[in-house]
Amino acid sequence: MSSRTSRSLIFRIALYGGAIVLILALWQVQRAISQNFFEPAVSDGSFVDNSQLNALLGQSNLLTTLCTGLLGALGFFLLHGRNASRWTPAKWLAIASAGCAVLSLLFGYMVYLALLDMLRNQMFDLAMPAMWVRYAQFYCFLLAVMLFGDFAFQTLNVEDGNEREPHAAGD
């Protein structure tokens, strides 16, 4: 096994292992926060309701913007890379990343629809079962970023190796 292959394998194991640990830690923190701090719905149009609504809309807008940027970066890597016309196994990671980003965008739209439904019914409750999509939006984005990182590392590692080979032959 060459040093490049072992370095790539170590990076991928660390990336996926770290992502699993991060996702599990975030999931536990979100569970603890939602169990300890969310109270039953109070729909009096208070400042707290407005603040929660603004925070949730801000989060959803931020994730939508970041997913759109991620899709743009994927498009750039896929269309302007050295091997853009050639199919490589790393491109499956790009497709999976794009799929997760699109799912995150879909879940963001579902958050928006759930908020509209709550406002129409004059009941604002972030703990209601229909709001699982806000977690799904975040975790799909996190998975898309992880897959994009692996794709970018493999793509840049291959291109970096292609640039080094001619220099090594000439030395």
N, C-alpha and C. Protein backbone atom coordinates (compact mmCIF):
# COMPACT_ATOMS: atom_id res chain seq x y z
N MET A 1 0.86 -1.18 0.00
CA MET A 1 0.00 0.00 0.00
C MET A 1 0.90 1.23 0.00
N SER A 2 0.70 2.11 -0.95
CA SER A 2 1.54 3.30 -1.04
C SER A 2 1.18 4.29 0.06
N SER A 3 2.07 5.25 0.27
CA SER A 3 1.82 6.24 1.32
C SER A 3 0.61 7.10 0.99
N ARG A 4 0.38 7.36 -0.29
CA ARG A 4 -0.77 8.16 -0.69
C ARG A 4 -2.07 7.40 -0.39
N THR A 5 -2.09 6.12 -0.70
CA THR A 5 -3.28 5.31 -0.45
C THR A 5 -3.55 5.19 1.04
N SER A 6 -2.51 4.96 1.82
CA SER A 6 -2.71 4.85 3.26
C SER A 6 -3.13 6.19 3.86
N ARG A 7 -2.57 7.28 3.37
CA ARG A 7 -2.97 8.61 3.85
C ARG A 7 -4.43 8.89 3.50
N SER A 8 -4.85 8.49 2.30
CA SER A 8 -6.24 8.67 1.89
C SER A 8 -7.17 7.81 2.73
N LEU A 9 -6.76 6.58 3.01
CA LEU A 9 -7.58 5.69 3.83
C LEU A 9 -7.71 6.22 5.25
N ILE A 10 -6.62 6.70 5.81
CA ILE A 10 -6.65 7.26 7.16
C ILE A 10 -7.55 8.49 7.20
N PHE A 11 -7.45 9.35 6.18
CA PHE A 11 -8.32 10.53 6.13
C PHE A 11 -9.78 10.14 6.07
N ARG A 12 -10.12 9.16 5.23
CA ARG A 12 -11.52 8.76 5.09
C ARG A 12 -12.06 8.14 6.37
N ILE A 13 -11.25 7.32 7.03
CA ILE A 13 -11.69 6.72 8.29
C ILE A 13 -11.89 7.81 9.33
N ALA A 14 -10.96 8.74 9.41
CA ALA A 14 -11.09 9.85 10.37
C ALA A 14 -12.29 10.73 10.04
N LEU A 15 -12.52 11.00 8.76
CA LEU A 15 -13.64 11.83 8.35
C LEU A 15 -14.97 11.18 8.73
N TYR A 16 -15.15 9.94 8.35
CA TYR A 16 -16.43 9.28 8.63
C TYR A 16 -16.59 8.97 10.12
N GLY A 17 -15.51 8.59 10.79
CA GLY A 17 -15.58 8.36 12.24
C GLY A 17 -15.90 9.63 12.99
N GLY A 18 -15.23 10.72 12.62
CA GLY A 18 -15.50 12.01 13.26
C GLY A 18 -16.91 12.50 12.98
N ALA A 19 -17.40 12.27 11.77
CA ALA A 19 -18.76 12.68 11.43
C ALA A 19 -19.78 11.90 12.25
N ILE A 20 -19.55 10.62 12.42
CA ILE A 20 -20.48 9.80 13.22
C ILE A 20 -20.49 10.28 14.66
N VAL A 21 -19.32 10.53 15.22
CA VAL A 21 -19.24 11.03 16.60
C VAL A 21 -19.93 12.39 16.71
N LEU A 22 -19.69 13.28 15.76
CA LEU A 22 -20.31 14.60 15.77
C LEU A 22 -21.83 14.51 15.67
N ILE A 23 -22.32 13.67 14.78
CA ILE A 23 -23.77 13.54 14.60
C ILE A 23 -24.41 12.97 15.85
N LEU A 24 -23.80 11.96 16.44
CA LEU A 24 -24.36 11.39 17.66
C LEU A 24 -24.35 12.39 18.81
N ALA A 25 -23.26 13.16 18.93
CA ALA A 25 -23.19 14.18 19.98
C ALA A 25 -24.25 15.27 19.77
N LEU A 26 -24.39 15.74 18.54
CA LEU A 26 -25.40 16.76 18.26
C LEU A 26 -26.80 16.24 18.50
N TRP A 27 -27.05 14.99 18.14
CA TRP A 27 -28.36 14.39 18.37
C TRP A 27 -28.68 14.32 19.86
N GLN A 28 -27.69 13.93 20.67
CA GLN A 28 -27.92 13.87 22.11
C GLN A 28 -28.15 15.26 22.72
N VAL A 29 -27.41 16.24 22.26
CA VAL A 29 -27.60 17.61 22.74
C VAL A 29 -28.98 18.11 22.37
N GLN A 30 -29.41 17.86 21.13
CA GLN A 30 -30.75 18.30 20.72
C GLN A 30 -31.83 17.59 21.51
N ARG A 31 -31.66 16.32 21.78
CA ARG A 31 -32.65 15.60 22.61
C ARG A 31 -32.72 16.19 24.01
N ALA A 32 -31.56 16.46 24.60
CA ALA A 32 -31.53 17.00 25.95
C ALA A 32 -32.17 18.39 26.00
N ILE A 33 -31.87 19.21 25.02
CA ILE A 33 -32.43 20.56 24.99
C ILE A 33 -33.94 20.51 24.79
N SER A 34 -34.38 19.68 23.86
CA SER A 34 -35.82 19.65 23.59
C SER A 34 -36.60 19.05 24.75
N GLN A 35 -36.02 18.15 25.51
CA GLN A 35 -36.72 17.57 26.66
C GLN A 35 -36.75 18.52 27.85
N ASN A 36 -35.74 19.36 27.98
CA ASN A 36 -35.64 20.20 29.16
C ASN A 36 -36.19 21.61 28.98
N PHE A 37 -36.21 22.12 27.76
CA PHE A 37 -36.53 23.53 27.61
C PHE A 37 -37.82 23.82 26.85
N PHE A 38 -38.33 22.87 26.08
CA PHE A 38 -39.56 23.13 25.35
C PHE A 38 -40.76 22.91 26.25
N GLU A 39 -41.65 23.83 26.22
CA GLU A 39 -42.88 23.73 27.01
C GLU A 39 -44.05 23.58 26.05
N PRO A 40 -45.21 23.21 26.55
CA PRO A 40 -46.37 23.09 25.67
C PRO A 40 -46.67 24.41 24.96
N ALA A 41 -47.43 24.29 23.89
CA ALA A 41 -47.71 25.45 23.04
C ALA A 41 -48.45 26.54 23.81
N VAL A 42 -47.95 27.73 23.62
CA VAL A 42 -48.63 28.92 24.15
C VAL A 42 -48.79 29.84 22.95
N SER A 43 -49.99 30.01 22.50
CA SER A 43 -50.21 30.75 21.26
C SER A 43 -50.82 32.11 21.55
N ASP A 44 -50.15 32.87 22.36
CA ASP A 44 -50.67 34.20 22.67
C ASP A 44 -50.00 35.28 21.84
N GLY A 45 -49.17 34.87 20.86
CA GLY A 45 -48.50 35.86 20.02
C GLY A 45 -47.47 36.65 20.78
N SER A 46 -46.87 36.04 21.77
CA SER A 46 -45.92 36.74 22.64
C SER A 46 -44.59 36.98 21.93
N PHE A 47 -43.77 37.73 22.62
CA PHE A 47 -42.43 38.02 22.14
C PHE A 47 -41.63 36.73 21.98
N VAL A 48 -41.82 35.78 22.88
CA VAL A 48 -41.09 34.51 22.82
C VAL A 48 -41.48 33.74 21.56
N ASP A 49 -42.78 33.69 21.25
CA ASP A 49 -43.22 33.03 20.02
C ASP A 49 -42.61 33.68 18.79
N ASN A 50 -42.61 34.99 18.76
CA ASN A 50 -42.02 35.70 17.62
C ASN A 50 -40.52 35.44 17.52
N SER A 51 -39.85 35.41 18.66
CA SER A 51 -38.41 35.15 18.66
C SER A 51 -38.10 33.73 18.19
N GLN A 52 -38.90 32.76 18.64
CA GLN A 52 -38.70 31.38 18.19
C GLN A 52 -38.96 31.26 16.69
N LEU A 53 -39.99 31.92 16.23
CA LEU A 53 -40.32 31.89 14.81
C LEU A 53 -39.18 32.50 13.98
N ASN A 54 -38.67 33.64 14.42
CA ASN A 54 -37.57 34.28 13.70
C ASN A 54 -36.31 33.42 13.72
N ALA A 55 -36.03 32.78 14.86
CA ALA A 55 -34.85 31.93 14.95
C ALA A 55 -34.98 30.73 14.02
N LEU A 56 -36.14 30.11 13.99
CA LEU A 56 -36.35 28.95 13.12
C LEU A 56 -36.28 29.35 11.65
N LEU A 57 -36.88 30.46 11.29
CA LEU A 57 -36.80 30.92 9.90
C LEU A 57 -35.36 31.27 9.52
N GLY A 58 -34.63 31.89 10.44
CA GLY A 58 -33.23 32.21 10.18
C GLY A 58 -32.39 30.96 9.97
N GLN A 59 -32.61 29.94 10.81
CA GLN A 59 -31.89 28.68 10.66
C GLN A 59 -32.21 28.03 9.32
N SER A 60 -33.47 27.98 8.98
CA SER A 60 -33.88 27.35 7.73
C SER A 60 -33.33 28.12 6.53
N ASN A 61 -33.36 29.44 6.59
CA ASN A 61 -32.80 30.24 5.49
C ASN A 61 -31.30 30.04 5.36
N LEU A 62 -30.60 29.96 6.49
CA LEU A 62 -29.15 29.75 6.46
C LEU A 62 -28.82 28.39 5.85
N LEU A 63 -29.51 27.35 6.28
CA LEU A 63 -29.24 26.03 5.72
C LEU A 63 -29.58 25.97 4.24
N THR A 64 -30.64 26.67 3.83
CA THR A 64 -30.99 26.72 2.40
C THR A 64 -29.88 27.41 1.61
N THR A 65 -29.36 28.50 2.13
CA THR A 65 -28.28 29.22 1.46
C THR A 65 -27.02 28.36 1.38
N LEU A 66 -26.67 27.70 2.47
CA LEU A 66 -25.48 26.86 2.49
C LEU A 66 -25.62 25.67 1.55
N CYS A 67 -26.81 25.08 1.47
CA CYS A 67 -27.03 23.96 0.54
C CYS A 67 -26.91 24.43 -0.91
N THR A 68 -27.42 25.60 -1.20
CA THR A 68 -27.31 26.14 -2.55
C THR A 68 -25.84 26.38 -2.91
N GLY A 69 -25.07 26.91 -1.97
CA GLY A 69 -23.63 27.10 -2.19
C GLY A 69 -22.91 25.77 -2.37
N LEU A 70 -23.29 24.77 -1.61
CA LEU A 70 -22.69 23.45 -1.75
C LEU A 70 -22.98 22.85 -3.12
N LEU A 71 -24.21 23.01 -3.58
CA LEU A 71 -24.54 22.52 -4.92
C LEU A 71 -23.72 23.26 -5.99
N GLY A 72 -23.51 24.55 -5.80
CA GLY A 72 -22.68 25.30 -6.74
C GLY A 72 -21.24 24.82 -6.73
N ALA A 73 -20.70 24.54 -5.55
CA ALA A 73 -19.33 24.03 -5.45
C ALA A 73 -19.22 22.65 -6.10
N LEU A 74 -20.22 21.82 -5.90
CA LEU A 74 -20.23 20.51 -6.55
C LEU A 74 -20.23 20.65 -8.07
N GLY A 75 -21.07 21.55 -8.56
CA GLY A 75 -21.11 21.79 -9.99
C GLY A 75 -19.77 22.27 -10.52
N PHE A 76 -19.11 23.13 -9.77
CA PHE A 76 -17.79 23.62 -10.20
C PHE A 76 -16.78 22.49 -10.26
N PHE A 77 -16.72 21.67 -9.21
CA PHE A 77 -15.77 20.56 -9.20
C PHE A 77 -16.07 19.56 -10.31
N LEU A 78 -17.34 19.29 -10.55
CA LEU A 78 -17.69 18.28 -11.55
C LEU A 78 -17.47 18.77 -12.98
N LEU A 79 -17.70 20.06 -13.22
CA LEU A 79 -17.62 20.56 -14.59
C LEU A 79 -16.26 21.13 -14.97
N HIS A 80 -15.48 21.57 -13.97
CA HIS A 80 -14.23 22.25 -14.30
C HIS A 80 -12.99 21.52 -13.80
N GLY A 81 -13.15 20.31 -13.36
CA GLY A 81 -11.99 19.54 -12.91
C GLY A 81 -11.18 19.03 -14.08
N ARG A 82 -10.02 18.51 -13.77
CA ARG A 82 -9.14 17.97 -14.82
C ARG A 82 -9.80 16.79 -15.52
N ASN A 83 -10.49 15.97 -14.76
CA ASN A 83 -11.14 14.78 -15.31
C ASN A 83 -12.66 14.96 -15.36
N ALA A 84 -13.11 16.13 -15.79
CA ALA A 84 -14.54 16.43 -15.78
C ALA A 84 -15.33 15.51 -16.71
N SER A 85 -14.77 15.16 -17.84
CA SER A 85 -15.50 14.33 -18.80
C SER A 85 -15.38 12.84 -18.49
N ARG A 86 -14.42 12.45 -17.66
CA ARG A 86 -14.20 11.05 -17.34
C ARG A 86 -14.94 10.70 -16.05
N TRP A 87 -15.56 9.52 -16.05
CA TRP A 87 -16.30 9.09 -14.85
C TRP A 87 -15.33 8.43 -13.88
N THR A 88 -15.31 8.92 -12.65
CA THR A 88 -14.47 8.33 -11.61
C THR A 88 -15.36 7.86 -10.46
N PRO A 89 -14.88 6.91 -9.68
CA PRO A 89 -15.68 6.43 -8.54
C PRO A 89 -15.98 7.54 -7.52
N ALA A 90 -15.11 8.53 -7.44
CA ALA A 90 -15.34 9.62 -6.48
C ALA A 90 -16.58 10.44 -6.85
N LYS A 91 -16.99 10.37 -8.10
CA LYS A 91 -18.17 11.14 -8.51
C LYS A 91 -19.45 10.61 -7.87
N TRP A 92 -19.43 9.35 -7.43
CA TRP A 92 -20.59 8.83 -6.69
C TRP A 92 -20.76 9.59 -5.39
N LEU A 93 -19.65 9.98 -4.78
CA LEU A 93 -19.73 10.79 -3.56
C LEU A 93 -20.36 12.15 -3.85
N ALA A 94 -20.01 12.71 -5.01
CA ALA A 94 -20.59 14.00 -5.39
C ALA A 94 -22.09 13.87 -5.63
N ILE A 95 -22.50 12.78 -6.26
CA ILE A 95 -23.93 12.57 -6.50
C ILE A 95 -24.67 12.39 -5.18
N ALA A 96 -24.07 11.61 -4.26
CA ALA A 96 -24.70 11.41 -2.95
C ALA A 96 -24.76 12.73 -2.18
N SER A 97 -23.72 13.53 -2.27
CA SER A 97 -23.71 14.83 -1.60
C SER A 97 -24.79 15.74 -2.17
N ALA A 98 -24.90 15.76 -3.49
CA ALA A 98 -25.94 16.58 -4.12
C ALA A 98 -27.33 16.09 -3.72
N GLY A 99 -27.51 14.78 -3.65
CA GLY A 99 -28.80 14.23 -3.23
C GLY A 99 -29.15 14.64 -1.80
N CYS A 100 -28.16 14.61 -0.90
CA CYS A 100 -28.41 15.03 0.48
C CYS A 100 -28.71 16.53 0.55
N ALA A 101 -28.02 17.32 -0.26
CA ALA A 101 -28.27 18.76 -0.28
C ALA A 101 -29.67 19.06 -0.80
N VAL A 102 -30.09 18.34 -1.82
CA VAL A 102 -31.44 18.53 -2.36
C VAL A 102 -32.49 18.10 -1.33
N LEU A 103 -32.23 17.00 -0.62
CA LEU A 103 -33.14 16.59 0.45
C LEU A 103 -33.23 17.65 1.54
N SER A 104 -32.10 18.25 1.87
CA SER A 104 -32.09 19.32 2.87
C SER A 104 -32.93 20.50 2.40
N LEU A 105 -32.82 20.84 1.13
CA LEU A 105 -33.66 21.92 0.58
C LEU A 105 -35.14 21.55 0.65
N LEU A 106 -35.45 20.30 0.34
CA LEU A 106 -36.83 19.84 0.42
C LEU A 106 -37.35 19.92 1.86
N PHE A 107 -36.54 19.48 2.82
CA PHE A 107 -36.96 19.55 4.21
C PHE A 107 -37.10 21.00 4.67
N GLY A 108 -36.28 21.90 4.14
CA GLY A 108 -36.44 23.32 4.45
C GLY A 108 -37.77 23.85 3.97
N TYR A 109 -38.19 23.41 2.80
CA TYR A 109 -39.51 23.81 2.30
C TYR A 109 -40.61 23.24 3.17
N MET A 110 -40.42 22.01 3.65
CA MET A 110 -41.42 21.40 4.52
C MET A 110 -41.50 22.13 5.87
N VAL A 111 -40.36 22.64 6.36
CA VAL A 111 -40.38 23.46 7.58
C VAL A 111 -41.23 24.70 7.35
N TYR A 112 -41.02 25.33 6.22
CA TYR A 112 -41.79 26.52 5.87
C TYR A 112 -43.29 26.22 5.82
N LEU A 113 -43.66 25.09 5.20
CA LEU A 113 -45.08 24.72 5.13
C LEU A 113 -45.65 24.42 6.51
N ALA A 114 -44.86 23.77 7.37
CA ALA A 114 -45.34 23.48 8.73
C ALA A 114 -45.54 24.77 9.51
N LEU A 115 -44.63 25.73 9.32
CA LEU A 115 -44.78 27.02 10.00
C LEU A 115 -46.03 27.75 9.52
N LEU A 116 -46.27 27.73 8.21
CA LEU A 116 -47.48 28.36 7.69
C LEU A 116 -48.73 27.71 8.26
N ASP A 117 -48.71 26.39 8.39
CA ASP A 117 -49.85 25.68 8.94
C ASP A 117 -50.06 26.05 10.41
N MET A 118 -48.97 26.15 11.17
CA MET A 118 -49.10 26.53 12.58
C MET A 118 -49.63 27.94 12.72
N LEU A 119 -49.15 28.85 11.90
CA LEU A 119 -49.62 30.23 11.98
C LEU A 119 -51.08 30.34 11.55
N ARG A 120 -51.48 29.57 10.56
CA ARG A 120 -52.87 29.58 10.11
C ARG A 120 -53.79 29.07 11.22
N ASN A 121 -53.35 28.06 11.95
CA ASN A 121 -54.16 27.50 13.04
C ASN A 121 -53.97 28.24 14.36
N GLN A 122 -53.16 29.27 14.34
CA GLN A 122 -52.86 30.09 15.52
C GLN A 122 -52.37 29.24 16.69
N MET A 123 -51.49 28.30 16.36
CA MET A 123 -50.87 27.46 17.37
C MET A 123 -49.40 27.31 16.99
N PHE A 124 -48.53 27.87 17.77
CA PHE A 124 -47.11 27.80 17.50
C PHE A 124 -46.47 26.89 18.52
N ASP A 125 -45.98 25.73 18.06
CA ASP A 125 -45.37 24.75 18.95
C ASP A 125 -44.23 24.06 18.21
N LEU A 126 -43.00 24.36 18.59
CA LEU A 126 -41.85 23.75 17.93
C LEU A 126 -41.67 22.28 18.31
N ALA A 127 -42.35 21.84 19.37
CA ALA A 127 -42.19 20.46 19.83
C ALA A 127 -43.21 19.52 19.19
N MET A 128 -44.06 20.02 18.32
CA MET A 128 -45.07 19.15 17.72
C MET A 128 -44.40 18.16 16.76
N PRO A 129 -44.98 16.99 16.57
CA PRO A 129 -44.36 15.94 15.76
C PRO A 129 -44.05 16.35 14.32
N ALA A 130 -44.81 17.24 13.74
CA ALA A 130 -44.57 17.64 12.35
C ALA A 130 -43.27 18.43 12.19
N MET A 131 -42.67 18.85 13.27
CA MET A 131 -41.45 19.65 13.17
C MET A 131 -40.18 18.81 13.14
N TRP A 132 -40.29 17.49 12.96
CA TRP A 132 -39.11 16.65 12.80
C TRP A 132 -38.30 17.07 11.58
N VAL A 133 -38.96 17.74 10.63
CA VAL A 133 -38.27 18.11 9.40
C VAL A 133 -37.17 19.13 9.64
N ARG A 134 -37.25 19.90 10.73
CA ARG A 134 -36.17 20.86 10.99
C ARG A 134 -34.89 20.12 11.35
N TYR A 135 -35.01 18.98 12.03
CA TYR A 135 -33.82 18.17 12.31
C TYR A 135 -33.33 17.48 11.05
N ALA A 136 -34.27 16.99 10.25
CA ALA A 136 -33.90 16.32 9.01
C ALA A 136 -33.17 17.27 8.07
N GLN A 137 -33.60 18.53 8.03
CA GLN A 137 -32.93 19.51 7.17
C GLN A 137 -31.48 19.68 7.60
N PHE A 138 -31.24 19.79 8.89
CA PHE A 138 -29.89 19.99 9.39
C PHE A 138 -29.01 18.76 9.15
N TYR A 139 -29.53 17.58 9.46
CA TYR A 139 -28.71 16.37 9.33
C TYR A 139 -28.45 16.02 7.87
N CYS A 140 -29.37 16.29 6.98
CA CYS A 140 -29.10 16.08 5.55
C CYS A 140 -28.01 17.03 5.07
N PHE A 141 -28.05 18.27 5.55
CA PHE A 141 -26.99 19.21 5.18
C PHE A 141 -25.65 18.73 5.72
N LEU A 142 -25.62 18.27 6.97
CA LEU A 142 -24.38 17.79 7.57
C LEU A 142 -23.82 16.61 6.79
N LEU A 143 -24.67 15.69 6.39
CA LEU A 143 -24.23 14.55 5.59
C LEU A 143 -23.73 15.00 4.21
N ALA A 144 -24.40 15.98 3.62
CA ALA A 144 -23.96 16.50 2.32
C ALA A 144 -22.57 17.11 2.43
N VAL A 145 -22.31 17.85 3.50
CA VAL A 145 -21.00 18.46 3.69
C VAL A 145 -19.93 17.39 3.88
N MET A 146 -20.24 16.36 4.65
CA MET A 146 -19.29 15.29 4.88
C MET A 146 -18.95 14.57 3.56
N LEU A 147 -19.95 14.23 2.78
CA LEU A 147 -19.71 13.57 1.50
C LEU A 147 -18.96 14.49 0.53
N PHE A 148 -19.28 15.78 0.55
CA PHE A 148 -18.56 16.72 -0.30
C PHE A 148 -17.09 16.81 0.11
N GLY A 149 -16.83 16.80 1.41
CA GLY A 149 -15.45 16.84 1.88
C GLY A 149 -14.66 15.64 1.41
N ASP A 150 -15.26 14.47 1.46
CA ASP A 150 -14.59 13.26 0.98
C ASP A 150 -14.37 13.34 -0.53
N PHE A 151 -15.40 13.79 -1.26
CA PHE A 151 -15.25 13.93 -2.71
C PHE A 151 -14.15 14.94 -3.07
N ALA A 152 -14.15 16.08 -2.40
CA ALA A 152 -13.15 17.10 -2.70
C ALA A 152 -11.75 16.59 -2.37
N PHE A 153 -11.61 15.90 -1.24
CA PHE A 153 -10.30 15.37 -0.87
C PHE A 153 -9.81 14.38 -1.91
N GLN A 154 -10.68 13.48 -2.35
CA GLN A 154 -10.27 12.50 -3.35
C GLN A 154 -9.95 13.16 -4.68
N THR A 155 -10.78 14.11 -5.08
CA THR A 155 -10.55 14.79 -6.36
C THR A 155 -9.26 15.60 -6.33
N LEU A 156 -9.05 16.37 -5.28
CA LEU A 156 -7.83 17.18 -5.19
C LEU A 156 -6.60 16.31 -4.98
N ASN A 157 -6.75 15.20 -4.27
CA ASN A 157 -5.63 14.30 -4.05
C ASN A 157 -5.20 13.66 -5.37
N VAL A 158 -6.15 13.26 -6.21
CA VAL A 158 -5.83 12.68 -7.51
C VAL A 158 -5.19 13.72 -8.41
N GLU A 159 -5.75 14.94 -8.44
CA GLU A 159 -5.19 15.99 -9.28
C GLU A 159 -3.81 16.39 -8.80
N ASP A 160 -3.61 16.42 -7.47
CA ASP A 160 -2.30 16.74 -6.93
C ASP A 160 -1.30 15.66 -7.32
N GLY A 161 -1.72 14.40 -7.31
CA GLY A 161 -0.85 13.30 -7.72
C GLY A 161 -0.51 13.38 -9.19
N ASN A 162 -1.45 13.80 -10.01
CA ASN A 162 -1.18 13.95 -11.44
C ASN A 162 -0.19 15.06 -11.72
N GLU A 163 -0.19 16.09 -10.90
CA GLU A 163 0.75 17.19 -11.10
C GLU A 163 2.15 16.81 -10.62
N ARG A 164 2.25 15.93 -9.63
CA ARG A 164 3.56 15.55 -9.11
C ARG A 164 4.28 14.55 -9.99
N GLU A 165 3.55 13.69 -10.69
CA GLU A 165 4.18 12.65 -11.48
C GLU A 165 5.14 13.16 -12.54
N PRO A 166 4.80 14.18 -13.34
CA PRO A 166 5.76 14.65 -14.34
C PRO A 166 7.04 15.19 -13.72
N HIS A 167 6.94 15.84 -12.56
CA HIS A 167 8.13 16.37 -11.91
C HIS A 167 9.03 15.25 -11.41
N ALA A 168 8.43 14.18 -10.92
CA ALA A 168 9.21 13.06 -10.41
C ALA A 168 9.94 12.37 -11.54
N ALA A 169 9.34 12.28 -12.73
CA ALA A 169 9.98 11.64 -13.87
C ALA A 169 11.15 12.46 -14.37
N GLY A 170 11.08 13.76 -14.22
CA GLY A 170 12.13 14.63 -14.72
C GLY A 170 13.31 14.77 -13.79
N ASP A 171 13.16 14.36 -12.52
CA ASP A 171 14.26 14.51 -11.56
C ASP A 171 15.32 13.48 -11.71
